[in-house]
mmCIF file of all heavy atoms, coordinates in Angstrom:
data_MODEL
# 
_entry.id   MODEL 
# 
loop_
_atom_site.group_PDB 
_atom_site.id 
_atom_site.type_symbol 
_atom_site.label_atom_id 
_atom_site.label_alt_id 
_atom_site.label_comp_id 
_atom_site.label_asym_id 
_atom_site.label_entity_id 
_atom_site.label_seq_id 
_atom_site.pdbx_PDB_ins_code 
_atom_site.Cartn_x 
_atom_site.Cartn_y 
_atom_site.Cartn_z 
_atom_site.occupancy 
_atom_site.B_iso_or_equiv 
_atom_site.pdbx_formal_charge 
_atom_site.auth_seq_id 
_atom_site.auth_comp_id 
_atom_site.auth_asym_id 
_atom_site.auth_atom_id 
_atom_site.pdbx_PDB_model_num 
ATOM 1   N N   . TYR A 1 1  ? 185.883 -67.620 163.949 1.00 0.00 ? 1  TYR A N   1 
ATOM 2   C CA  . TYR A 1 1  ? 184.613 -68.183 163.568 1.00 0.00 ? 1  TYR A CA  1 
ATOM 3   C C   . TYR A 1 1  ? 183.480 -67.267 163.980 1.00 0.00 ? 1  TYR A C   1 
ATOM 4   O O   . TYR A 1 1  ? 182.475 -67.107 163.299 1.00 0.00 ? 1  TYR A O   1 
ATOM 5   C CB  . TYR A 1 1  ? 184.414 -69.551 164.220 1.00 0.00 ? 1  TYR A CB  1 
ATOM 6   C CG  . TYR A 1 1  ? 185.167 -70.672 163.506 1.00 0.00 ? 1  TYR A CG  1 
ATOM 7   C CD1 . TYR A 1 1  ? 186.425 -71.091 163.965 1.00 0.00 ? 1  TYR A CD1 1 
ATOM 8   C CD2 . TYR A 1 1  ? 184.641 -71.332 162.396 1.00 0.00 ? 1  TYR A CD2 1 
ATOM 9   C CE1 . TYR A 1 1  ? 187.082 -72.109 163.349 1.00 0.00 ? 1  TYR A CE1 1 
ATOM 10  C CE2 . TYR A 1 1  ? 185.309 -72.374 161.732 1.00 0.00 ? 1  TYR A CE2 1 
ATOM 11  C CZ  . TYR A 1 1  ? 186.536 -72.774 162.240 1.00 0.00 ? 1  TYR A CZ  1 
ATOM 12  O OH  . TYR A 1 1  ? 187.233 -73.739 161.582 1.00 0.00 ? 1  TYR A OH  1 
ATOM 13  N N   . GLU A 1 2  ? 183.597 -66.646 165.145 1.00 0.00 ? 2  GLU A N   1 
ATOM 14  C CA  . GLU A 1 2  ? 182.591 -65.719 165.637 1.00 0.00 ? 2  GLU A CA  1 
ATOM 15  C C   . GLU A 1 2  ? 182.356 -64.584 164.649 1.00 0.00 ? 2  GLU A C   1 
ATOM 16  O O   . GLU A 1 2  ? 181.186 -64.286 164.297 1.00 0.00 ? 2  GLU A O   1 
ATOM 17  C CB  . GLU A 1 2  ? 183.009 -65.193 167.001 1.00 0.00 ? 2  GLU A CB  1 
ATOM 18  C CG  . GLU A 1 2  ? 181.968 -64.286 167.666 1.00 0.00 ? 2  GLU A CG  1 
ATOM 19  C CD  . GLU A 1 2  ? 182.421 -63.786 169.026 1.00 0.00 ? 2  GLU A CD  1 
ATOM 20  O OE1 . GLU A 1 2  ? 183.408 -64.400 169.615 1.00 0.00 ? 2  GLU A OE1 1 
ATOM 21  O OE2 . GLU A 1 2  ? 181.810 -62.827 169.522 1.00 0.00 ? 2  GLU A OE2 1 
ATOM 22  N N   . THR A 1 3  ? 183.403 -63.978 164.132 1.00 0.00 ? 3  THR A N   1 
ATOM 23  C CA  . THR A 1 3  ? 183.225 -62.919 163.143 1.00 0.00 ? 3  THR A CA  1 
ATOM 24  C C   . THR A 1 3  ? 182.675 -63.476 161.881 1.00 0.00 ? 3  THR A C   1 
ATOM 25  O O   . THR A 1 3  ? 181.798 -62.807 161.237 1.00 0.00 ? 3  THR A O   1 
ATOM 26  C CB  . THR A 1 3  ? 184.611 -62.240 162.849 1.00 0.00 ? 3  THR A CB  1 
ATOM 27  O OG1 . THR A 1 3  ? 185.154 -61.772 164.064 1.00 0.00 ? 3  THR A OG1 1 
ATOM 28  C CG2 . THR A 1 3  ? 184.459 -61.101 161.888 1.00 0.00 ? 3  THR A CG2 1 
ATOM 29  N N   . LEU A 1 4  ? 183.064 -64.656 161.487 1.00 0.00 ? 4  LEU A N   1 
ATOM 30  C CA  . LEU A 1 4  ? 182.510 -65.263 160.255 1.00 0.00 ? 4  LEU A CA  1 
ATOM 31  C C   . LEU A 1 4  ? 181.020 -65.469 160.372 1.00 0.00 ? 4  LEU A C   1 
ATOM 32  O O   . LEU A 1 4  ? 180.261 -65.253 159.392 1.00 0.00 ? 4  LEU A O   1 
ATOM 33  C CB  . LEU A 1 4  ? 183.248 -66.537 159.936 1.00 0.00 ? 4  LEU A CB  1 
ATOM 34  C CG  . LEU A 1 4  ? 182.879 -67.246 158.604 1.00 0.00 ? 4  LEU A CG  1 
ATOM 35  C CD1 . LEU A 1 4  ? 183.008 -66.289 157.442 1.00 0.00 ? 4  LEU A CD1 1 
ATOM 36  C CD2 . LEU A 1 4  ? 183.774 -68.456 158.388 1.00 0.00 ? 4  LEU A CD2 1 
ATOM 37  N N   . THR A 1 5  ? 180.564 -65.865 161.532 1.00 0.00 ? 5  THR A N   1 
ATOM 38  C CA  . THR A 1 5  ? 179.100 -66.075 161.735 1.00 0.00 ? 5  THR A CA  1 
ATOM 39  C C   . THR A 1 5  ? 178.345 -64.753 161.608 1.00 0.00 ? 5  THR A C   1 
ATOM 40  O O   . THR A 1 5  ? 177.251 -64.711 161.049 1.00 0.00 ? 5  THR A O   1 
ATOM 41  C CB  . THR A 1 5  ? 178.778 -66.703 163.101 1.00 0.00 ? 5  THR A CB  1 
ATOM 42  O OG1 . THR A 1 5  ? 179.173 -65.803 164.128 1.00 0.00 ? 5  THR A OG1 1 
ATOM 43  C CG2 . THR A 1 5  ? 179.465 -68.065 163.240 1.00 0.00 ? 5  THR A CG2 1 
ATOM 44  N N   . GLU A 1 6  ? 178.936 -63.655 162.046 1.00 0.00 ? 6  GLU A N   1 
ATOM 45  C CA  . GLU A 1 6  ? 178.305 -62.350 161.885 1.00 0.00 ? 6  GLU A CA  1 
ATOM 46  C C   . GLU A 1 6  ? 178.179 -61.974 160.422 1.00 0.00 ? 6  GLU A C   1 
ATOM 47  O O   . GLU A 1 6  ? 177.134 -61.478 159.988 1.00 0.00 ? 6  GLU A O   1 
ATOM 48  C CB  . GLU A 1 6  ? 179.086 -61.293 162.658 1.00 0.00 ? 6  GLU A CB  1 
ATOM 49  C CG  . GLU A 1 6  ? 179.125 -61.465 164.170 1.00 0.00 ? 6  GLU A CG  1 
ATOM 50  C CD  . GLU A 1 6  ? 180.090 -60.489 164.842 1.00 0.00 ? 6  GLU A CD  1 
ATOM 51  O OE1 . GLU A 1 6  ? 180.691 -59.651 164.128 1.00 0.00 ? 6  GLU A OE1 1 
ATOM 52  O OE2 . GLU A 1 6  ? 180.296 -60.591 166.046 1.00 0.00 ? 6  GLU A OE2 1 
ATOM 53  N N   . ILE A 1 7  ? 179.216 -62.200 159.652 1.00 0.00 ? 7  ILE A N   1 
ATOM 54  C CA  . ILE A 1 7  ? 179.189 -61.946 158.239 1.00 0.00 ? 7  ILE A CA  1 
ATOM 55  C C   . ILE A 1 7  ? 178.141 -62.812 157.528 1.00 0.00 ? 7  ILE A C   1 
ATOM 56  O O   . ILE A 1 7  ? 177.382 -62.316 156.676 1.00 0.00 ? 7  ILE A O   1 
ATOM 57  C CB  . ILE A 1 7  ? 180.596 -62.139 157.603 1.00 0.00 ? 7  ILE A CB  1 
ATOM 58  C CG1 . ILE A 1 7  ? 181.551 -61.124 158.221 1.00 0.00 ? 7  ILE A CG1 1 
ATOM 59  C CG2 . ILE A 1 7  ? 180.543 -61.979 156.086 1.00 0.00 ? 7  ILE A CG2 1 
ATOM 60  C CD1 . ILE A 1 7  ? 183.021 -61.441 157.859 1.00 0.00 ? 7  ILE A CD1 1 
ATOM 61  N N   . ILE A 1 8  ? 178.078 -64.054 157.879 1.00 0.00 ? 8  ILE A N   1 
ATOM 62  C CA  . ILE A 1 8  ? 177.121 -64.976 157.286 1.00 0.00 ? 8  ILE A CA  1 
ATOM 63  C C   . ILE A 1 8  ? 175.686 -64.510 157.579 1.00 0.00 ? 8  ILE A C   1 
ATOM 64  O O   . ILE A 1 8  ? 174.829 -64.498 156.681 1.00 0.00 ? 8  ILE A O   1 
ATOM 65  C CB  . ILE A 1 8  ? 177.341 -66.418 157.830 1.00 0.00 ? 8  ILE A CB  1 
ATOM 66  C CG1 . ILE A 1 8  ? 178.604 -66.979 157.235 1.00 0.00 ? 8  ILE A CG1 1 
ATOM 67  C CG2 . ILE A 1 8  ? 176.112 -67.290 157.482 1.00 0.00 ? 8  ILE A CG2 1 
ATOM 68  C CD1 . ILE A 1 8  ? 179.052 -68.273 157.845 1.00 0.00 ? 8  ILE A CD1 1 
ATOM 69  N N   . ARG A 1 9  ? 175.429 -64.095 158.797 1.00 0.00 ? 9  ARG A N   1 
ATOM 70  C CA  . ARG A 1 9  ? 174.030 -63.656 159.167 1.00 0.00 ? 9  ARG A CA  1 
ATOM 71  C C   . ARG A 1 9  ? 173.595 -62.452 158.327 1.00 0.00 ? 9  ARG A C   1 
ATOM 72  O O   . ARG A 1 9  ? 172.384 -62.341 157.999 1.00 0.00 ? 9  ARG A O   1 
ATOM 73  C CB  . ARG A 1 9  ? 173.971 -63.299 160.656 1.00 0.00 ? 9  ARG A CB  1 
ATOM 74  C CG  . ARG A 1 9  ? 174.059 -64.499 161.559 1.00 0.00 ? 9  ARG A CG  1 
ATOM 75  C CD  . ARG A 1 9  ? 173.530 -64.169 162.956 1.00 0.00 ? 9  ARG A CD  1 
ATOM 76  N NE  . ARG A 1 9  ? 174.306 -63.169 163.649 1.00 0.00 ? 9  ARG A NE  1 
ATOM 77  C CZ  . ARG A 1 9  ? 175.399 -63.437 164.380 1.00 0.00 ? 9  ARG A CZ  1 
ATOM 78  N NH1 . ARG A 1 9  ? 175.798 -64.665 164.530 1.00 0.00 ? 9  ARG A NH1 1 
ATOM 79  N NH2 . ARG A 1 9  ? 176.011 -62.421 165.023 1.00 0.00 ? 9  ARG A NH2 1 
ATOM 80  N N   . HIS A 1 10 ? 174.540 -61.598 157.961 1.00 0.00 ? 10 HIS A N   1 
ATOM 81  C CA  . HIS A 1 10 ? 174.139 -60.364 157.261 1.00 0.00 ? 10 HIS A CA  1 
ATOM 82  C C   . HIS A 1 10 ? 174.296 -60.404 155.743 1.00 0.00 ? 10 HIS A C   1 
ATOM 83  O O   . HIS A 1 10 ? 173.639 -59.692 155.033 1.00 0.00 ? 10 HIS A O   1 
ATOM 84  C CB  . HIS A 1 10 ? 174.989 -59.175 157.805 1.00 0.00 ? 10 HIS A CB  1 
ATOM 85  C CG  . HIS A 1 10 ? 174.642 -58.823 159.217 1.00 0.00 ? 10 HIS A CG  1 
ATOM 86  N ND1 . HIS A 1 10 ? 175.391 -59.257 160.313 1.00 0.00 ? 10 HIS A ND1 1 
ATOM 87  C CD2 . HIS A 1 10 ? 173.645 -58.049 159.722 1.00 0.00 ? 10 HIS A CD2 1 
ATOM 88  C CE1 . HIS A 1 10 ? 174.833 -58.776 161.419 1.00 0.00 ? 10 HIS A CE1 1 
ATOM 89  N NE2 . HIS A 1 10 ? 173.785 -58.042 161.107 1.00 0.00 ? 10 HIS A NE2 1 
ATOM 90  N N   . ARG A 1 11 ? 175.174 -61.297 155.200 1.00 0.00 ? 11 ARG A N   1 
ATOM 91  C CA  . ARG A 1 11 ? 175.544 -61.155 153.820 1.00 0.00 ? 11 ARG A CA  1 
ATOM 92  C C   . ARG A 1 11 ? 175.407 -62.430 152.986 1.00 0.00 ? 11 ARG A C   1 
ATOM 93  O O   . ARG A 1 11 ? 175.483 -62.423 151.778 1.00 0.00 ? 11 ARG A O   1 
ATOM 94  C CB  . ARG A 1 11 ? 176.990 -60.642 153.656 1.00 0.00 ? 11 ARG A CB  1 
ATOM 95  C CG  . ARG A 1 11 ? 177.257 -59.286 154.302 1.00 0.00 ? 11 ARG A CG  1 
ATOM 96  C CD  . ARG A 1 11 ? 178.578 -58.726 153.895 1.00 0.00 ? 11 ARG A CD  1 
ATOM 97  N NE  . ARG A 1 11 ? 178.658 -58.590 152.490 1.00 0.00 ? 11 ARG A NE  1 
ATOM 98  C CZ  . ARG A 1 11 ? 179.777 -58.468 151.814 1.00 0.00 ? 11 ARG A CZ  1 
ATOM 99  N NH1 . ARG A 1 11 ? 180.955 -58.577 152.440 1.00 0.00 ? 11 ARG A NH1 1 
ATOM 100 N NH2 . ARG A 1 11 ? 179.773 -58.291 150.507 1.00 0.00 ? 11 ARG A NH2 1 
ATOM 101 N N   . PHE A 1 12 ? 175.179 -63.583 153.624 1.00 0.00 ? 12 PHE A N   1 
ATOM 102 C CA  . PHE A 1 12 ? 175.121 -64.840 152.910 1.00 0.00 ? 12 PHE A CA  1 
ATOM 103 C C   . PHE A 1 12 ? 173.708 -65.277 152.558 1.00 0.00 ? 12 PHE A C   1 
ATOM 104 O O   . PHE A 1 12 ? 172.725 -64.888 153.258 1.00 0.00 ? 12 PHE A O   1 
ATOM 105 C CB  . PHE A 1 12 ? 175.746 -65.982 153.786 1.00 0.00 ? 12 PHE A CB  1 
ATOM 106 C CG  . PHE A 1 12 ? 177.210 -66.098 153.667 1.00 0.00 ? 12 PHE A CG  1 
ATOM 107 C CD1 . PHE A 1 12 ? 178.054 -65.056 153.967 1.00 0.00 ? 12 PHE A CD1 1 
ATOM 108 C CD2 . PHE A 1 12 ? 177.803 -67.282 153.213 1.00 0.00 ? 12 PHE A CD2 1 
ATOM 109 C CE1 . PHE A 1 12 ? 179.463 -65.143 153.857 1.00 0.00 ? 12 PHE A CE1 1 
ATOM 110 C CE2 . PHE A 1 12 ? 179.216 -67.388 153.123 1.00 0.00 ? 12 PHE A CE2 1 
ATOM 111 C CZ  . PHE A 1 12 ? 180.033 -66.357 153.459 1.00 0.00 ? 12 PHE A CZ  1 
ATOM 112 N N   . THR A 1 13 ? 173.593 -66.018 151.451 1.00 0.00 ? 13 THR A N   1 
ATOM 113 C CA  . THR A 1 13 ? 172.311 -66.685 151.160 1.00 0.00 ? 13 THR A CA  1 
ATOM 114 C C   . THR A 1 13 ? 172.089 -67.789 152.200 1.00 0.00 ? 13 THR A C   1 
ATOM 115 O O   . THR A 1 13 ? 173.037 -68.353 152.704 1.00 0.00 ? 13 THR A O   1 
ATOM 116 C CB  . THR A 1 13 ? 172.348 -67.287 149.750 1.00 0.00 ? 13 THR A CB  1 
ATOM 117 O OG1 . THR A 1 13 ? 173.416 -68.259 149.682 1.00 0.00 ? 13 THR A OG1 1 
ATOM 118 C CG2 . THR A 1 13 ? 172.559 -66.231 148.697 1.00 0.00 ? 13 THR A CG2 1 
ATOM 119 N N   . GLU A 1 14 ? 170.865 -68.056 152.523 1.00 0.00 ? 14 GLU A N   1 
ATOM 120 C CA  . GLU A 1 14 ? 170.476 -69.131 153.445 1.00 0.00 ? 14 GLU A CA  1 
ATOM 121 C C   . GLU A 1 14 ? 171.372 -69.102 154.737 1.00 0.00 ? 14 GLU A C   1 
ATOM 122 O O   . GLU A 1 14 ? 172.070 -70.075 155.028 1.00 0.00 ? 14 GLU A O   1 
ATOM 123 C CB  . GLU A 1 14 ? 170.589 -70.470 152.771 1.00 0.00 ? 14 GLU A CB  1 
ATOM 124 C CG  . GLU A 1 14 ? 169.700 -70.663 151.597 1.00 0.00 ? 14 GLU A CG  1 
ATOM 125 C CD  . GLU A 1 14 ? 169.724 -72.089 151.049 1.00 0.00 ? 14 GLU A CD  1 
ATOM 126 O OE1 . GLU A 1 14 ? 170.805 -72.507 150.550 1.00 0.00 ? 14 GLU A OE1 1 
ATOM 127 O OE2 . GLU A 1 14 ? 168.708 -72.769 151.178 1.00 0.00 ? 14 GLU A OE2 1 
ATOM 128 N N   . PRO A 1 15 ? 171.325 -67.999 155.474 1.00 0.00 ? 15 PRO A N   1 
ATOM 129 C CA  . PRO A 1 15 ? 172.244 -67.896 156.601 1.00 0.00 ? 15 PRO A CA  1 
ATOM 130 C C   . PRO A 1 15 ? 172.047 -68.974 157.705 1.00 0.00 ? 15 PRO A C   1 
ATOM 131 O O   . PRO A 1 15 ? 173.063 -69.450 158.231 1.00 0.00 ? 15 PRO A O   1 
ATOM 132 C CB  . PRO A 1 15 ? 171.940 -66.492 157.151 1.00 0.00 ? 15 PRO A CB  1 
ATOM 133 C CG  . PRO A 1 15 ? 170.605 -66.088 156.610 1.00 0.00 ? 15 PRO A CG  1 
ATOM 134 C CD  . PRO A 1 15 ? 170.530 -66.791 155.257 1.00 0.00 ? 15 PRO A CD  1 
ATOM 135 N N   . THR A 1 16 ? 170.811 -69.355 157.996 1.00 0.00 ? 16 THR A N   1 
ATOM 136 C CA  . THR A 1 16 ? 170.601 -70.352 159.012 1.00 0.00 ? 16 THR A CA  1 
ATOM 137 C C   . THR A 1 16 ? 171.196 -71.715 158.619 1.00 0.00 ? 16 THR A C   1 
ATOM 138 O O   . THR A 1 16 ? 171.884 -72.335 159.466 1.00 0.00 ? 16 THR A O   1 
ATOM 139 C CB  . THR A 1 16 ? 169.075 -70.493 159.312 1.00 0.00 ? 16 THR A CB  1 
ATOM 140 O OG1 . THR A 1 16 ? 168.565 -69.235 159.671 1.00 0.00 ? 16 THR A OG1 1 
ATOM 141 C CG2 . THR A 1 16 ? 168.869 -71.489 160.451 1.00 0.00 ? 16 THR A CG2 1 
ATOM 142 N N   . VAL A 1 17 ? 170.935 -72.142 157.434 1.00 0.00 ? 17 VAL A N   1 
ATOM 143 C CA  . VAL A 1 17 ? 171.502 -73.385 156.929 1.00 0.00 ? 17 VAL A CA  1 
ATOM 144 C C   . VAL A 1 17 ? 173.027 -73.292 156.888 1.00 0.00 ? 17 VAL A C   1 
ATOM 145 O O   . VAL A 1 17 ? 173.739 -74.257 157.260 1.00 0.00 ? 17 VAL A O   1 
ATOM 146 C CB  . VAL A 1 17 ? 170.949 -73.730 155.541 1.00 0.00 ? 17 VAL A CB  1 
ATOM 147 C CG1 . VAL A 1 17 ? 171.669 -74.946 154.934 1.00 0.00 ? 17 VAL A CG1 1 
ATOM 148 C CG2 . VAL A 1 17 ? 169.443 -73.951 155.585 1.00 0.00 ? 17 VAL A CG2 1 
ATOM 149 N N   . THR A 1 18 ? 173.566 -72.165 156.450 1.00 0.00 ? 18 THR A N   1 
ATOM 150 C CA  . THR A 1 18 ? 175.001 -71.998 156.328 1.00 0.00 ? 18 THR A CA  1 
ATOM 151 C C   . THR A 1 18 ? 175.681 -72.033 157.710 1.00 0.00 ? 18 THR A C   1 
ATOM 152 O O   . THR A 1 18 ? 176.755 -72.574 157.871 1.00 0.00 ? 18 THR A O   1 
ATOM 153 C CB  . THR A 1 18 ? 175.337 -70.648 155.632 1.00 0.00 ? 18 THR A CB  1 
ATOM 154 O OG1 . THR A 1 18 ? 174.721 -70.689 154.336 1.00 0.00 ? 18 THR A OG1 1 
ATOM 155 C CG2 . THR A 1 18 ? 176.829 -70.464 155.474 1.00 0.00 ? 18 THR A CG2 1 
ATOM 156 N N   . LEU A 1 19 ? 175.050 -71.401 158.694 1.00 0.00 ? 19 LEU A N   1 
ATOM 157 C CA  . LEU A 1 19 ? 175.645 -71.381 160.019 1.00 0.00 ? 19 LEU A CA  1 
ATOM 158 C C   . LEU A 1 19 ? 175.711 -72.769 160.624 1.00 0.00 ? 19 LEU A C   1 
ATOM 159 O O   . LEU A 1 19 ? 176.719 -73.173 161.247 1.00 0.00 ? 19 LEU A O   1 
ATOM 160 C CB  . LEU A 1 19 ? 174.824 -70.480 160.969 1.00 0.00 ? 19 LEU A CB  1 
ATOM 161 C CG  . LEU A 1 19 ? 174.949 -68.972 160.701 1.00 0.00 ? 19 LEU A CG  1 
ATOM 162 C CD1 . LEU A 1 19 ? 173.894 -68.196 161.469 1.00 0.00 ? 19 LEU A CD1 1 
ATOM 163 C CD2 . LEU A 1 19 ? 176.343 -68.482 161.125 1.00 0.00 ? 19 LEU A CD2 1 
ATOM 164 N N   . ARG A 1 20 ? 174.686 -73.570 160.394 1.00 0.00 ? 20 ARG A N   1 
ATOM 165 C CA  . ARG A 1 20 ? 174.710 -74.937 160.893 1.00 0.00 ? 20 ARG A CA  1 
ATOM 166 C C   . ARG A 1 20 ? 175.829 -75.744 160.187 1.00 0.00 ? 20 ARG A C   1 
ATOM 167 O O   . ARG A 1 20 ? 176.564 -76.521 160.817 1.00 0.00 ? 20 ARG A O   1 
ATOM 168 C CB  . ARG A 1 20 ? 173.309 -75.590 160.637 1.00 0.00 ? 20 ARG A CB  1 
ATOM 169 C CG  . ARG A 1 20 ? 173.234 -77.022 161.215 1.00 0.00 ? 20 ARG A CG  1 
ATOM 170 C CD  . ARG A 1 20 ? 171.822 -77.625 160.983 1.00 0.00 ? 20 ARG A CD  1 
ATOM 171 N NE  . ARG A 1 20 ? 171.735 -78.937 161.586 1.00 0.00 ? 20 ARG A NE  1 
ATOM 172 C CZ  . ARG A 1 20 ? 171.383 -79.176 162.838 1.00 0.00 ? 20 ARG A CZ  1 
ATOM 173 N NH1 . ARG A 1 20 ? 171.077 -78.162 163.629 1.00 0.00 ? 20 ARG A NH1 1 
ATOM 174 N NH2 . ARG A 1 20 ? 171.310 -80.388 163.315 1.00 0.00 ? 20 ARG A NH2 1 
ATOM 175 N N   . GLU A 1 21 ? 175.957 -75.590 158.872 1.00 0.00 ? 21 GLU A N   1 
ATOM 176 C CA  . GLU A 1 21 ? 177.010 -76.250 158.129 1.00 0.00 ? 21 GLU A CA  1 
ATOM 177 C C   . GLU A 1 21 ? 178.358 -75.835 158.633 1.00 0.00 ? 21 GLU A C   1 
ATOM 178 O O   . GLU A 1 21 ? 179.281 -76.692 158.775 1.00 0.00 ? 21 GLU A O   1 
ATOM 179 C CB  . GLU A 1 21 ? 176.868 -75.956 156.620 1.00 0.00 ? 21 GLU A CB  1 
ATOM 180 C CG  . GLU A 1 21 ? 178.029 -76.441 155.769 1.00 0.00 ? 21 GLU A CG  1 
ATOM 181 C CD  . GLU A 1 21 ? 178.150 -77.939 155.614 1.00 0.00 ? 21 GLU A CD  1 
ATOM 182 O OE1 . GLU A 1 21 ? 177.159 -78.672 155.990 1.00 0.00 ? 21 GLU A OE1 1 
ATOM 183 O OE2 . GLU A 1 21 ? 179.187 -78.448 155.133 1.00 0.00 ? 21 GLU A OE2 1 
ATOM 184 N N   . LEU A 1 22 ? 178.591 -74.571 158.868 1.00 0.00 ? 22 LEU A N   1 
ATOM 185 C CA  . LEU A 1 22 ? 179.875 -74.101 159.379 1.00 0.00 ? 22 LEU A CA  1 
ATOM 186 C C   . LEU A 1 22 ? 180.183 -74.671 160.758 1.00 0.00 ? 22 LEU A C   1 
ATOM 187 O O   . LEU A 1 22 ? 181.312 -75.060 161.043 1.00 0.00 ? 22 LEU A O   1 
ATOM 188 C CB  . LEU A 1 22 ? 179.907 -72.575 159.441 1.00 0.00 ? 22 LEU A CB  1 
ATOM 189 C CG  . LEU A 1 22 ? 181.249 -71.950 159.891 1.00 0.00 ? 22 LEU A CG  1 
ATOM 190 C CD1 . LEU A 1 22 ? 182.340 -72.274 158.875 1.00 0.00 ? 22 LEU A CD1 1 
ATOM 191 C CD2 . LEU A 1 22 ? 181.120 -70.419 160.022 1.00 0.00 ? 22 LEU A CD2 1 
ATOM 192 N N   . PHE A 1 23 ? 179.190 -74.738 161.610 1.00 0.00 ? 23 PHE A N   1 
ATOM 193 C CA  . PHE A 1 23 ? 179.389 -75.349 162.947 1.00 0.00 ? 23 PHE A CA  1 
ATOM 194 C C   . PHE A 1 23 ? 179.760 -76.834 162.782 1.00 0.00 ? 23 PHE A C   1 
ATOM 195 O O   . PHE A 1 23 ? 180.690 -77.326 163.473 1.00 0.00 ? 23 PHE A O   1 
ATOM 196 C CB  . PHE A 1 23 ? 178.126 -75.219 163.829 1.00 0.00 ? 23 PHE A CB  1 
ATOM 197 C CG  . PHE A 1 23 ? 178.326 -75.733 165.206 1.00 0.00 ? 23 PHE A CG  1 
ATOM 198 C CD1 . PHE A 1 23 ? 178.986 -74.969 166.185 1.00 0.00 ? 23 PHE A CD1 1 
ATOM 199 C CD2 . PHE A 1 23 ? 177.844 -76.975 165.584 1.00 0.00 ? 23 PHE A CD2 1 
ATOM 200 C CE1 . PHE A 1 23 ? 179.179 -75.406 167.481 1.00 0.00 ? 23 PHE A CE1 1 
ATOM 201 C CE2 . PHE A 1 23 ? 178.011 -77.455 166.919 1.00 0.00 ? 23 PHE A CE2 1 
ATOM 202 C CZ  . PHE A 1 23 ? 178.712 -76.651 167.837 1.00 0.00 ? 23 PHE A CZ  1 
ATOM 203 N N   . ARG A 1 24 ? 179.108 -77.531 161.869 1.00 0.00 ? 24 ARG A N   1 
ATOM 204 C CA  . ARG A 1 24 ? 179.445 -78.932 161.642 1.00 0.00 ? 24 ARG A CA  1 
ATOM 205 C C   . ARG A 1 24 ? 180.905 -79.074 161.186 1.00 0.00 ? 24 ARG A C   1 
ATOM 206 O O   . ARG A 1 24 ? 181.602 -80.000 161.576 1.00 0.00 ? 24 ARG A O   1 
ATOM 207 C CB  . ARG A 1 24 ? 178.495 -79.581 160.696 1.00 0.00 ? 24 ARG A CB  1 
ATOM 208 C CG  . ARG A 1 24 ? 177.046 -79.595 161.210 1.00 0.00 ? 24 ARG A CG  1 
ATOM 209 C CD  . ARG A 1 24 ? 176.058 -80.221 160.177 1.00 0.00 ? 24 ARG A CD  1 
ATOM 210 N NE  . ARG A 1 24 ? 176.247 -81.660 160.129 1.00 0.00 ? 24 ARG A NE  1 
ATOM 211 C CZ  . ARG A 1 24 ? 176.390 -82.352 158.997 1.00 0.00 ? 24 ARG A CZ  1 
ATOM 212 N NH1 . ARG A 1 24 ? 176.396 -81.745 157.879 1.00 0.00 ? 24 ARG A NH1 1 
ATOM 213 N NH2 . ARG A 1 24 ? 176.533 -83.646 159.085 1.00 0.00 ? 24 ARG A NH2 1 
ATOM 214 N N   . ARG A 1 25 ? 181.376 -78.156 160.332 1.00 0.00 ? 25 ARG A N   1 
ATOM 215 C CA  . ARG A 1 25 ? 182.749 -78.182 159.844 1.00 0.00 ? 25 ARG A CA  1 
ATOM 216 C C   . ARG A 1 25 ? 183.708 -77.911 161.009 1.00 0.00 ? 25 ARG A C   1 
ATOM 217 O O   . ARG A 1 25 ? 184.782 -78.523 161.106 1.00 0.00 ? 25 ARG A O   1 
ATOM 218 C CB  . ARG A 1 25 ? 182.934 -77.152 158.721 1.00 0.00 ? 25 ARG A CB  1 
ATOM 219 C CG  . ARG A 1 25 ? 182.183 -77.494 157.461 1.00 0.00 ? 25 ARG A CG  1 
ATOM 220 C CD  . ARG A 1 25 ? 182.448 -76.500 156.347 1.00 0.00 ? 25 ARG A CD  1 
ATOM 221 N NE  . ARG A 1 25 ? 181.537 -76.701 155.213 1.00 0.00 ? 25 ARG A NE  1 
ATOM 222 C CZ  . ARG A 1 25 ? 181.574 -76.045 154.049 1.00 0.00 ? 25 ARG A CZ  1 
ATOM 223 N NH1 . ARG A 1 25 ? 182.505 -75.122 153.906 1.00 0.00 ? 25 ARG A NH1 1 
ATOM 224 N NH2 . ARG A 1 25 ? 180.723 -76.342 153.106 1.00 0.00 ? 25 ARG A NH2 1 
# 
């Protein structure tokens, strides 16, 4: 998950919202 969060921060749309959703999952 740690690596996935790094990828999300750099390459995903809406990284902040996505990180919160991933933590909830």
